[in-house]
Amino acid sequence: KTPAATQRLVDEVNAVVGNGDPTFENLGDLEYASAVVNETLRLHPSVPMDSKSCLKDDILPDGTFVPAGSQMVYGPWIMGRRP
């Protein structure tokens, strides 16, 4: 769908890795590739739904109180598409 983005990715990998295999050491230099992977996982998360159990009273970052024993279900798939 986006030939320019694909070419930019190929160019970056060729510039950083060359003809060899990627190594742990050169992964940090693949900035555009990292952005492509992150965007892909935002739009297509490996876990579309997840749930969590609260073992003790807690407060969410927005100030919402969550009592112990509560269960929460959230959808990363949906969250990745909200504006």
Protein backbone atom coordinates (compact mmCIF):
# COMPACT_ATOMS: atom_id res chain seq x y z
CA LYS A 1 0.00 0.00 0.00
CA THR A 2 2.87 2.37 0.72
CA PRO A 3 5.79 1.74 -1.64
CA ALA A 4 7.74 4.73 -0.31
CA ALA A 5 7.55 3.44 3.27
CA THR A 6 8.54 -0.04 2.14
CA GLN A 7 11.53 1.34 0.26
CA ARG A 8 12.57 3.45 3.25
CA LEU A 9 12.48 0.32 5.43
CA VAL A 10 14.51 -1.71 2.93
CA ASP A 11 17.05 1.10 2.56
CA GLU A 12 17.49 1.40 6.33
CA VAL A 13 17.95 -2.35 6.81
CA ASN A 14 20.46 -2.50 3.95
CA ALA A 15 22.38 0.49 5.32
CA VAL A 16 22.55 -0.87 8.87
CA VAL A 17 22.74 -4.62 8.33
CA GLY A 18 24.15 -4.87 4.82
CA ASN A 19 24.25 -8.39 3.45
CA GLY A 20 24.55 -10.00 6.88
CA ASP A 21 21.96 -10.97 9.45
CA PRO A 22 20.62 -8.45 11.96
CA THR A 23 22.31 -8.67 15.35
CA PHE A 24 21.26 -7.51 18.79
CA GLU A 25 23.94 -4.82 18.61
CA ASN A 26 22.56 -3.19 15.45
CA LEU A 27 18.87 -3.34 16.39
CA GLY A 28 19.14 0.06 18.08
CA ASP A 29 20.21 1.59 14.78
CA LEU A 30 17.06 0.38 13.00
CA GLU A 31 14.91 3.33 14.09
CA TYR A 32 12.47 3.28 11.18
CA ALA A 33 12.11 -0.51 11.39
CA SER A 34 11.29 -0.15 15.07
CA ALA A 35 8.62 2.44 14.26
CA VAL A 36 7.14 0.12 11.61
CA VAL A 37 6.96 -2.77 14.09
CA ASN A 38 5.40 -0.56 16.79
CA GLU A 39 2.77 0.80 14.39
CA THR A 40 1.98 -2.70 13.14
CA LEU A 41 1.47 -3.94 16.70
CA ARG A 42 -0.68 -0.90 17.51
CA LEU A 43 -3.02 -1.70 14.64
CA HIS A 44 -2.78 -5.49 14.95
CA PRO A 45 -1.97 -6.35 18.58
CA SER A 46 -0.96 -9.92 19.35
CA VAL A 47 -3.56 -9.96 22.15
CA PRO A 48 -6.80 -8.27 21.00
CA MET A 49 -8.43 -8.57 24.46
CA ASP A 50 -6.86 -8.88 27.92
CA SER A 51 -8.06 -8.99 31.50
CA LYS A 52 -6.46 -8.11 34.82
CA SER A 53 -7.38 -8.88 38.43
CA CYS A 54 -6.77 -6.40 41.23
CA LEU A 55 -5.18 -8.10 44.26
CA LYS A 56 -5.30 -5.01 46.50
CA ASP A 57 -7.00 -1.62 46.44
CA ASP A 58 -5.45 0.60 43.80
CA ILE A 59 -5.94 3.90 42.01
CA LEU A 60 -5.67 4.25 38.24
CA PRO A 61 -3.63 7.12 36.74
CA ASP A 62 -6.85 9.08 36.09
CA GLY A 63 -7.80 8.86 39.80
CA THR A 64 -10.34 6.03 39.51
CA PHE A 65 -10.43 3.85 42.62
CA VAL A 66 -10.25 0.10 41.95
CA PRO A 67 -11.17 -2.11 44.93
CA ALA A 68 -9.38 -5.39 45.64
CA GLY A 69 -11.00 -8.35 43.89
CA SER A 70 -12.07 -6.32 40.87
CA GLN A 71 -11.54 -7.66 37.38
CA MET A 72 -10.96 -5.42 34.40
CA VAL A 73 -11.11 -6.25 30.72
CA TYR A 74 -9.55 -4.00 28.12
CA GLY A 75 -9.09 -4.18 24.40
CA PRO A 76 -5.70 -3.18 22.98
CA TRP A 77 -7.17 -3.57 19.48
CA ILE A 78 -9.80 -0.94 20.23
CA MET A 79 -7.40 1.29 22.17
CA GLY A 80 -5.01 1.37 19.20
CA ARG A 81 -7.74 2.85 17.03
CA ARG A 82 -9.11 5.55 19.34
CA PRO A 83 -8.22 9.10 18.43
